[in-house]
Amino acid sequence: MPHTRTTTHLPTAPPTPSQTIGEATTACYSTQELARLLGVDASTLRRWRTARPPQGPPFIRLSPRRIVYRACDVQQWLANHRIDPALAA
């Protein structure tokens, strides 16, 4: 049976126990999935990862060629970079 890849989206509710592998794990995005979600090129995420100091959302290096981003880390990173124009003035 061929393997089909599913695209994940930012969860709107906490993950159910069947979605987790331990308490510290949540839905994850590949570099390509996160780039599409953020509207940037995948090379931008790679550049952010290799910058010193690193920029962009936290990531997990599963192997030398496999990087994933936890959805909860991406949500937190986005929240930390949110600018409210009413408060910025």
PDB file of N, CA and C in Angstrom:
ATOM      1  N   MET A   1       0.853  -1.172   0.000  1.00  0.00           N
ATOM      2  CA  MET A   1       0.000   0.000   0.000  1.00  0.00           C
ATOM      3  C   MET A   1       0.898   1.233   0.000  1.00  0.00           C
ATOM      4  N   PRO A   2       0.675   2.208  -0.904  1.00  0.00           N
ATOM      5  CA  PRO A   2       1.523   3.398  -0.939  1.00  0.00           C
ATOM      6  C   PRO A   2       1.263   4.298   0.251  1.00  0.00           C
ATOM      7  N   HIS A   3       2.318   4.952   0.690  1.00  0.00           N
ATOM      8  CA  HIS A   3       2.222   5.884   1.814  1.00  0.00           C
ATOM      9  C   HIS A   3       1.723   7.223   1.302  1.00  0.00           C
ATOM     10  N   THR A   4       0.720   7.779   1.956  1.00  0.00           N
ATOM     11  CA  THR A   4       0.238   9.108   1.579  1.00  0.00           C
ATOM     12  C   THR A   4       0.630  10.086   2.660  1.00  0.00           C
ATOM     13  N   ARG A   5       1.115  11.245   2.248  1.00  0.00           N
ATOM     14  CA  ARG A   5       1.557  12.277   3.187  1.00  0.00           C
ATOM     15  C   ARG A   5       0.402  13.228   3.435  1.00  0.00           C
ATOM     16  N   THR A   6       0.167  13.527   4.688  1.00  0.00           N
ATOM     17  CA  THR A   6      -0.876  14.480   5.026  1.00  0.00           C
ATOM     18  C   THR A   6      -0.234  15.768   5.499  1.00  0.00           C
ATOM     19  N   THR A   7      -0.869  16.878   5.185  1.00  0.00           N
ATOM     20  CA  THR A   7      -0.382  18.179   5.610  1.00  0.00           C
ATOM     21  C   THR A   7      -1.032  18.528   6.929  1.00  0.00           C
ATOM     22  N   THR A   8      -0.227  18.999   7.863  1.00  0.00           N
ATOM     23  CA  THR A   8      -0.760  19.392   9.156  1.00  0.00           C
ATOM     24  C   THR A   8      -0.988  20.889   9.183  1.00  0.00           C
ATOM     25  N   HIS A   9      -1.863  21.320  10.048  1.00  0.00           N
ATOM     26  CA  HIS A   9      -2.149  22.730  10.239  1.00  0.00           C
ATOM     27  C   HIS A   9      -1.987  23.051  11.709  1.00  0.00           C
ATOM     28  N   LEU A  10      -1.854  24.331  12.034  1.00  0.00           N
ATOM     29  CA  LEU A  10      -1.742  24.709  13.435  1.00  0.00           C
ATOM     30  C   LEU A  10      -2.972  24.202  14.174  1.00  0.00           C
ATOM     31  N   PRO A  11      -2.785  23.450  15.243  1.00  0.00           N
ATOM     32  CA  PRO A  11      -3.938  22.915  15.959  1.00  0.00           C
ATOM     33  C   PRO A  11      -4.712  24.024  16.664  1.00  0.00           C
ATOM     34  N   THR A  12      -6.035  23.903  16.648  1.00  0.00           N
ATOM     35  CA  THR A  12      -6.867  24.876  17.346  1.00  0.00           C
ATOM     36  C   THR A  12      -7.217  24.387  18.742  1.00  0.00           C
ATOM     37  N   ALA A  13      -6.990  23.124  19.002  1.00  0.00           N
ATOM     38  CA  ALA A  13      -7.255  22.544  20.316  1.00  0.00           C
ATOM     39  C   ALA A  13      -6.035  21.729  20.725  1.00  0.00           C
ATOM     40  N   PRO A  14      -5.881  21.481  22.022  1.00  0.00           N
ATOM     41  CA  PRO A  14      -4.748  20.661  22.457  1.00  0.00           C
ATOM     42  C   PRO A  14      -4.791  19.292  21.788  1.00  0.00           C
ATOM     43  N   PRO A  15      -3.631  18.705  21.524  1.00  0.00           N
ATOM     44  CA  PRO A  15      -3.617  17.396  20.889  1.00  0.00           C
ATOM     45  C   PRO A  15      -4.231  16.339  21.788  1.00  0.00           C
ATOM     46  N   THR A  16      -4.871  15.367  21.167  1.00  0.00           N
ATOM     47  CA  THR A  16      -5.433  14.257  21.925  1.00  0.00           C
ATOM     48  C   THR A  16      -4.310  13.276  22.224  1.00  0.00           C
ATOM     49  N   PRO A  17      -4.502  12.377  23.195  1.00  0.00           N
ATOM     50  CA  PRO A  17      -3.437  11.420  23.512  1.00  0.00           C
ATOM     51  C   PRO A  17      -2.978  10.612  22.307  1.00  0.00           C
ATOM     52  N   SER A  18      -3.863  10.345  21.345  1.00  0.00           N
ATOM     53  CA  SER A  18      -3.455   9.571  20.177  1.00  0.00           C
ATOM     54  C   SER A  18      -2.536  10.366  19.258  1.00  0.00           C
ATOM     55  N   GLN A  19      -2.490  11.695  19.409  1.00  0.00           N
ATOM     56  CA  GLN A  19      -1.633  12.530  18.583  1.00  0.00           C
ATOM     57  C   GLN A  19      -0.262  12.748  19.206  1.00  0.00           C
ATOM     58  N   THR A  20      -0.051  12.319  20.426  1.00  0.00           N
ATOM     59  CA  THR A  20       1.202  12.605  21.105  1.00  0.00           C
ATOM     60  C   THR A  20       2.035  11.349  21.303  1.00  0.00           C
ATOM     61  N   ILE A  21       3.320  11.556  21.417  1.00  0.00           N
ATOM     62  CA  ILE A  21       4.256  10.490  21.793  1.00  0.00           C
ATOM     63  C   ILE A  21       4.975  11.026  23.008  1.00  0.00           C
ATOM     64  N   GLY A  22       4.323  10.997  24.133  1.00  0.00           N
ATOM     65  CA  GLY A  22       4.872  11.598  25.334  1.00  0.00           C
ATOM     66  C   GLY A  22       4.358  13.016  25.486  1.00  0.00           C
ATOM     67  N   GLU A  23       4.577  13.595  26.647  1.00  0.00           N
ATOM     68  CA  GLU A  23       4.030  14.906  26.956  1.00  0.00           C
ATOM     69  C   GLU A  23       4.679  16.036  26.166  1.00  0.00           C
ATOM     70  N   ALA A  24       5.940  15.893  25.758  1.00  0.00           N
ATOM     71  CA  ALA A  24       6.661  16.998  25.122  1.00  0.00           C
ATOM     72  C   ALA A  24       6.466  17.059  23.611  1.00  0.00           C
ATOM     73  N   THR A  25       5.710  16.139  23.029  1.00  0.00           N
ATOM     74  CA  THR A  25       5.584  16.069  21.584  1.00  0.00           C
ATOM     75  C   THR A  25       4.218  16.550  21.130  1.00  0.00           C
ATOM     76  N   THR A  26       4.199  17.364  20.072  1.00  0.00           N
ATOM     77  CA  THR A  26       2.954  17.813  19.467  1.00  0.00           C
ATOM     78  C   THR A  26       3.077  17.667  17.960  1.00  0.00           C
ATOM     79  N   ALA A  27       2.091  18.171  17.258  1.00  0.00           N
ATOM     80  CA  ALA A  27       2.146  18.149  15.798  1.00  0.00           C
ATOM     81  C   ALA A  27       3.397  18.884  15.333  1.00  0.00           C
ATOM     82  N   CYS A  28       3.996  18.395  14.262  1.00  0.00           N
ATOM     83  CA  CYS A  28       5.225  18.998  13.742  1.00  0.00           C
ATOM     84  C   CYS A  28       5.068  19.347  12.273  1.00  0.00           C
ATOM     85  N   TYR A  29       5.852  20.339  11.843  1.00  0.00           N
ATOM     86  CA  TYR A  29       5.891  20.768  10.454  1.00  0.00           C
ATOM     87  C   TYR A  29       7.267  20.484   9.877  1.00  0.00           C
ATOM     88  N   SER A  30       7.302  20.097   8.626  1.00  0.00           N
ATOM     89  CA  SER A  30       8.575  20.026   7.916  1.00  0.00           C
ATOM     90  C   SER A  30       8.968  21.449   7.524  1.00  0.00           C
ATOM     91  N   THR A  31      10.182  21.611   7.037  1.00  0.00           N
ATOM     92  CA  THR A  31      10.624  22.931   6.583  1.00  0.00           C
ATOM     93  C   THR A  31       9.710  23.442   5.475  1.00  0.00           C
ATOM     94  N   GLN A  32       9.357  22.577   4.534  1.00  0.00           N
ATOM     95  CA  GLN A  32       8.504  22.989   3.421  1.00  0.00           C
ATOM     96  C   GLN A  32       7.102  23.364   3.904  1.00  0.00           C
ATOM     97  N   GLU A  33       6.552  22.589   4.827  1.00  0.00           N
ATOM     98  CA  GLU A  33       5.214  22.892   5.350  1.00  0.00           C
ATOM     99  C   GLU A  33       5.195  24.222   6.089  1.00  0.00           C
ATOM    100  N   LEU A  34       6.206  24.458   6.924  1.00  0.00           N
ATOM    101  CA  LEU A  34       6.243  25.707   7.681  1.00  0.00           C
ATOM    102  C   LEU A  34       6.486  26.899   6.756  1.00  0.00           C
ATOM    103  N   ALA A  35       7.332  26.729   5.760  1.00  0.00           N
ATOM    104  CA  ALA A  35       7.570  27.816   4.803  1.00  0.00           C
ATOM    105  C   ALA A  35       6.267  28.202   4.110  1.00  0.00           C
ATOM    106  N   ARG A  36       5.500  27.214   3.700  1.00  0.00           N
ATOM    107  CA  ARG A  36       4.214  27.472   3.049  1.00  0.00           C
ATOM    108  C   ARG A  36       3.262  28.180   4.010  1.00  0.00           C
ATOM    109  N   LEU A  37       3.229  27.746   5.258  1.00  0.00           N
ATOM    110  CA  LEU A  37       2.357  28.339   6.268  1.00  0.00           C
ATOM    111  C   LEU A  37       2.725  29.798   6.536  1.00  0.00           C
ATOM    112  N   LEU A  38       4.021  30.096   6.615  1.00  0.00           N
ATOM    113  CA  LEU A  38       4.482  31.449   6.916  1.00  0.00           C
ATOM    114  C   LEU A  38       4.552  32.344   5.682  1.00  0.00           C
ATOM    115  N   GLY A  39       4.446  31.748   4.504  1.00  0.00           N
ATOM    116  CA  GLY A  39       4.530  32.529   3.279  1.00  0.00           C
ATOM    117  C   GLY A  39       5.942  32.971   2.939  1.00  0.00           C
ATOM    118  N   VAL A  40       6.925  32.150   3.321  1.00  0.00           N
ATOM    119  CA  VAL A  40       8.323  32.428   2.994  1.00  0.00           C
ATOM    120  C   VAL A  40       8.886  31.231   2.238  1.00  0.00           C
ATOM    121  N   ASP A  41      10.040  31.409   1.630  1.00  0.00           N
ATOM    122  CA  ASP A  41      10.695  30.316   0.935  1.00  0.00           C
ATOM    123  C   ASP A  41      11.379  29.397   1.949  1.00  0.00           C
ATOM    124  N   ALA A  42      11.483  28.116   1.623  1.00  0.00           N
ATOM    125  CA  ALA A  42      12.161  27.170   2.515  1.00  0.00           C
ATOM    126  C   ALA A  42      13.603  27.588   2.769  1.00  0.00           C
ATOM    127  N   SER A  43      14.239  28.238   1.800  1.00  0.00           N
ATOM    128  CA  SER A  43      15.623  28.688   1.996  1.00  0.00           C
ATOM    129  C   SER A  43      15.711  29.754   3.090  1.00  0.00           C
ATOM    130  N   THR A  44      14.634  30.508   3.295  1.00  0.00           N
ATOM    131  CA  THR A  44      14.615  31.498   4.376  1.00  0.00           C
ATOM    132  C   THR A  44      14.694  30.799   5.722  1.00  0.00           C
ATOM    133  N   LEU A  45      13.944  29.718   5.902  1.00  0.00           N
ATOM    134  CA  LEU A  45      14.002  28.962   7.159  1.00  0.00           C
ATOM    135  C   LEU A  45      15.389  28.361   7.357  1.00  0.00           C
ATOM    136  N   ARG A  46      15.988  27.841   6.293  1.00  0.00           N
ATOM    137  CA  ARG A  46      17.342  27.289   6.405  1.00  0.00           C
ATOM    138  C   ARG A  46      18.337  28.382   6.789  1.00  0.00           C
ATOM    139  N   ARG A  47      18.201  29.560   6.209  1.00  0.00           N
ATOM    140  CA  ARG A  47      19.092  30.674   6.545  1.00  0.00           C
ATOM    141  C   ARG A  47      18.901  31.082   8.000  1.00  0.00           C
ATOM    142  N   TRP A  48      17.652  31.131   8.477  1.00  0.00           N
ATOM    143  CA  TRP A  48      17.393  31.474   9.880  1.00  0.00           C
ATOM    144  C   TRP A  48      18.039  30.456  10.814  1.00  0.00           C
ATOM    145  N   ARG A  49      17.964  29.164  10.448  1.00  0.00           N
ATOM    146  CA  ARG A  49      18.543  28.114  11.310  1.00  0.00           C
ATOM    147  C   ARG A  49      20.053  28.223  11.411  1.00  0.00           C
ATOM    148  N   THR A  50      20.708  28.611  10.314  1.00  0.00           N
ATOM    149  CA  THR A  50      22.174  28.624  10.302  1.00  0.00           C
ATOM    150  C   THR A  50      22.759  29.970  10.698  1.00  0.00           C
ATOM    151  N   ALA A  51      21.923  30.979  10.914  1.00  0.00           N
ATOM    152  CA  ALA A  51      22.408  32.291  11.354  1.00  0.00           C
ATOM    153  C   ALA A  51      23.000  32.158  12.753  1.00  0.00           C
ATOM    154  N   ARG A  52      23.935  33.007  13.067  1.00  0.00           N
ATOM    155  CA  ARG A  52      24.527  33.037  14.407  1.00  0.00           C
ATOM    156  C   ARG A  52      24.300  34.402  15.008  1.00  0.00           C
ATOM    157  N   PRO A  53      23.482  34.514  16.045  1.00  0.00           N
ATOM    158  CA  PRO A  53      22.704  33.451  16.683  1.00  0.00           C
ATOM    159  C   PRO A  53      21.538  33.023  15.792  1.00  0.00           C
ATOM    160  N   PRO A  54      21.035  31.789  16.011  1.00  0.00           N
ATOM    161  CA  PRO A  54      19.917  31.307  15.199  1.00  0.00           C
ATOM    162  C   PRO A  54      18.713  32.241  15.298  1.00  0.00           C
ATOM    163  N   GLN A  55      17.987  32.347  14.211  1.00  0.00           N
ATOM    164  CA  GLN A  55      16.771  33.146  14.163  1.00  0.00           C
ATOM    165  C   GLN A  55      15.612  32.210  13.849  1.00  0.00           C
ATOM    166  N   GLY A  56      14.415  32.753  13.802  1.00  0.00           N
ATOM    167  CA  GLY A  56      13.256  31.944  13.452  1.00  0.00           C
ATOM    168  C   GLY A  56      12.786  31.099  14.613  1.00  0.00           C
ATOM    169  N   PRO A  57      11.763  30.292  14.361  1.00  0.00           N
ATOM    170  CA  PRO A  57      11.205  29.464  15.428  1.00  0.00           C
ATOM    171  C   PRO A  57      12.157  28.338  15.825  1.00  0.00           C
ATOM    172  N   PRO A  58      12.037  27.861  17.071  1.00  0.00           N
ATOM    173  CA  PRO A  58      12.852  26.719  17.496  1.00  0.00           C
ATOM    174  C   PRO A  58      12.600  25.510  16.590  1.00  0.00           C
ATOM    175  N   PHE A  59      13.614  24.691  16.420  1.00  0.00           N
ATOM    176  CA  PHE A  59      13.488  23.515  15.557  1.00  0.00           C
ATOM    177  C   PHE A  59      14.121  22.312  16.228  1.00  0.00           C
ATOM    178  N   ILE A  60      13.804  21.144  15.695  1.00  0.00           N
ATOM    179  CA  ILE A  60      14.359  19.882  16.185  1.00  0.00           C
ATOM    180  C   ILE A  60      15.080  19.222  15.021  1.00  0.00           C
ATOM    181  N   ARG A  61      16.337  18.854  15.231  1.00  0.00           N
ATOM    182  CA  ARG A  61      17.117  18.163  14.202  1.00  0.00           C
ATOM    183  C   ARG A  61      17.009  16.664  14.487  1.00  0.00           C
ATOM    184  N   LEU A  62      16.158  15.987  13.718  1.00  0.00           N
ATOM    185  CA  LEU A  62      15.970  14.551  13.906  1.00  0.00           C
ATOM    186  C   LEU A  62      17.135  13.747  13.340  1.00  0.00           C
ATOM    187  N   SER A  63      17.747  14.269  12.297  1.00  0.00           N
ATOM    188  CA  SER A  63      18.916  13.658  11.672  1.00  0.00           C
ATOM    189  C   SER A  63      19.627  14.776  10.906  1.00  0.00           C
ATOM    190  N   PRO A  64      20.786  14.506  10.338  1.00  0.00           N
ATOM    191  CA  PRO A  64      21.477  15.579   9.607  1.00  0.00           C
ATOM    192  C   PRO A  64      20.637  16.198   8.480  1.00  0.00           C
ATOM    193  N   ARG A  65      19.677  15.443   7.950  1.00  0.00           N
ATOM    194  CA  ARG A  65      18.876  15.952   6.831  1.00  0.00           C
ATOM    195  C   ARG A  65      17.400  16.138   7.161  1.00  0.00           C
ATOM    196  N   ARG A  66      17.011  15.930   8.400  1.00  0.00           N
ATOM    197  CA  ARG A  66      15.586  16.002   8.762  1.00  0.00           C
ATOM    198  C   ARG A  66      15.395  16.980   9.907  1.00  0.00           C
ATOM    199  N   ILE A  67      14.711  18.102   9.612  1.00  0.00           N
ATOM    200  CA  ILE A  67      14.405  19.148  10.585  1.00  0.00           C
ATOM    201  C   ILE A  67      12.894  19.236  10.708  1.00  0.00           C
ATOM    202  N   VAL A  68      12.394  19.366  11.929  1.00  0.00           N
ATOM    203  CA  VAL A  68      10.963  19.595  12.134  1.00  0.00           C
ATOM    204  C   VAL A  68      10.780  20.739  13.120  1.00  0.00           C
ATOM    205  N   TYR A  69       9.612  21.340  13.046  1.00  0.00           N
ATOM    206  CA  TYR A  69       9.235  22.444  13.924  1.00  0.00           C
ATOM    207  C   TYR A  69       7.961  22.036  14.644  1.00  0.00           C
ATOM    208  N   ARG A  70       7.976  22.063  15.971  1.00  0.00           N
ATOM    209  CA  ARG A  70       6.770  21.736  16.726  1.00  0.00           C
ATOM    210  C   ARG A  70       5.763  22.870  16.581  1.00  0.00           C
ATOM    211  N   ALA A  71       4.493  22.515  16.382  1.00  0.00           N
ATOM    212  CA  ALA A  71       3.440  23.516  16.198  1.00  0.00           C
ATOM    213  C   ALA A  71       3.362  24.461  17.391  1.00  0.00           C
ATOM    214  N   CYS A  72       3.520  23.940  18.603  1.00  0.00           N
ATOM    215  CA  CYS A  72       3.433  24.800  19.790  1.00  0.00           C
ATOM    216  C   CYS A  72       4.592  25.798  19.824  1.00  0.00           C
ATOM    217  N   ASP A  73       5.788  25.397  19.365  1.00  0.00           N
ATOM    218  CA  ASP A  73       6.924  26.324  19.308  1.00  0.00           C
ATOM    219  C   ASP A  73       6.689  27.415  18.267  1.00  0.00           C
ATOM    220  N   VAL A  74       6.104  27.037  17.134  1.00  0.00           N
ATOM    221  CA  VAL A  74       5.813  28.013  16.081  1.00  0.00           C
ATOM    222  C   VAL A  74       4.786  29.018  16.580  1.00  0.00           C
ATOM    223  N   GLN A  75       3.740  28.530  17.243  1.00  0.00           N
ATOM    224  CA  GLN A  75       2.718  29.439  17.780  1.00  0.00           C
ATOM    225  C   GLN A  75       3.329  30.414  18.780  1.00  0.00           C
ATOM    226  N   GLN A  76       4.195  29.926  19.659  1.00  0.00           N
ATOM    227  CA  GLN A  76       4.838  30.785  20.654  1.00  0.00           C
ATOM    228  C   GLN A  76       5.748  31.806  19.985  1.00  0.00           C
ATOM    229  N   TRP A  77       6.515  31.372  19.000  1.00  0.00           N
ATOM    230  CA  TRP A  77       7.408  32.274  18.274  1.00  0.00           C
ATOM    231  C   TRP A  77       6.614  33.377  17.576  1.00  0.00           C
ATOM    232  N   LEU A  78       5.508  32.999  16.945  1.00  0.00           N
ATOM    233  CA  LEU A  78       4.659  33.999  16.291  1.00  0.00           C
ATOM    234  C   LEU A  78       4.082  34.976  17.312  1.00  0.00           C
ATOM    235  N   ALA A  79       3.642  34.472  18.456  1.00  0.00           N
ATOM    236  CA  ALA A  79       3.085  35.343  19.498  1.00  0.00           C
ATOM    237  C   ALA A  79       4.149  36.320  20.005  1.00  0.00           C
ATOM    238  N   ASN A  80       5.379  35.851  20.148  1.00  0.00           N
ATOM    239  CA  ASN A  80       6.467  36.710  20.630  1.00  0.00           C
ATOM    240  C   ASN A  80       6.853  37.785  19.614  1.00  0.00           C
ATOM    241  N   HIS A  81       6.554  37.563  18.341  1.00  0.00           N
ATOM    242  CA  HIS A  81       6.902  38.520  17.293  1.00  0.00           C
ATOM    243  C   HIS A  81       5.713  39.368  16.855  1.00  0.00           C
ATOM    244  N   ARG A  82       4.621  39.242  17.551  1.00  0.00           N
ATOM    245  CA  ARG A  82       3.424  40.017  17.224  1.00  0.00           C
ATOM    246  C   ARG A  82       3.622  41.463  17.666  1.00  0.00           C
ATOM    247  N   ILE A  83       3.289  42.382  16.779  1.00  0.00           N
ATOM    248  CA  ILE A  83       3.382  43.811  17.093  1.00  0.00           C
ATOM    249  C   ILE A  83       1.992  44.409  16.958  1.00  0.00           C
ATOM    250  N   ASP A  84       1.511  45.008  18.020  1.00  0.00           N
ATOM    251  CA  ASP A  84       0.219  45.689  18.015  1.00  0.00           C
ATOM    252  C   ASP A  84       0.483  47.150  17.668  1.00  0.00           C
ATOM    253  N   PRO A  85       0.035  47.607  16.495  1.00  0.00           N
ATOM    254  CA  PRO A  85       0.319  48.991  16.091  1.00  0.00           C
ATOM    255  C   PRO A  85      -0.177  50.028  17.098  1.00  0.00           C
ATOM    256  N   ALA A  86      -1.260  49.738  17.789  1.00  0.00           N
ATOM    257  CA  ALA A  86      -1.783  50.692  18.771  1.00  0.00           C
ATOM    258  C   ALA A  86      -0.820  50.860  19.943  1.00  0.00           C
ATOM    259  N   LEU A  87      -0.105  49.805  20.289  1.00  0.00           N
ATOM    260  CA  LEU A  87       0.833  49.865  21.412  1.00  0.00           C
ATOM    261  C   LEU A  87       2.234  50.277  20.969  1.00  0.00           C
ATOM    262  N   ALA A  88       2.532  50.124  19.684  1.00  0.00           N
ATOM    263  CA  ALA A  88       3.873  50.423  19.184  1.00  0.00           C
ATOM    264  C   ALA A  88       4.113  51.919  19.020  1.00  0.00           C
ATOM    265  N   ALA A  89       3.044  52.700  18.961  1.00  0.00           N
ATOM    266  CA  ALA A  89       3.189  54.154  18.731  1.00  0.00           C
ATOM    267  C   ALA A  89       3.685  54.872  19.963  1.00  0.00           C
TER     268      ALA A  89
END
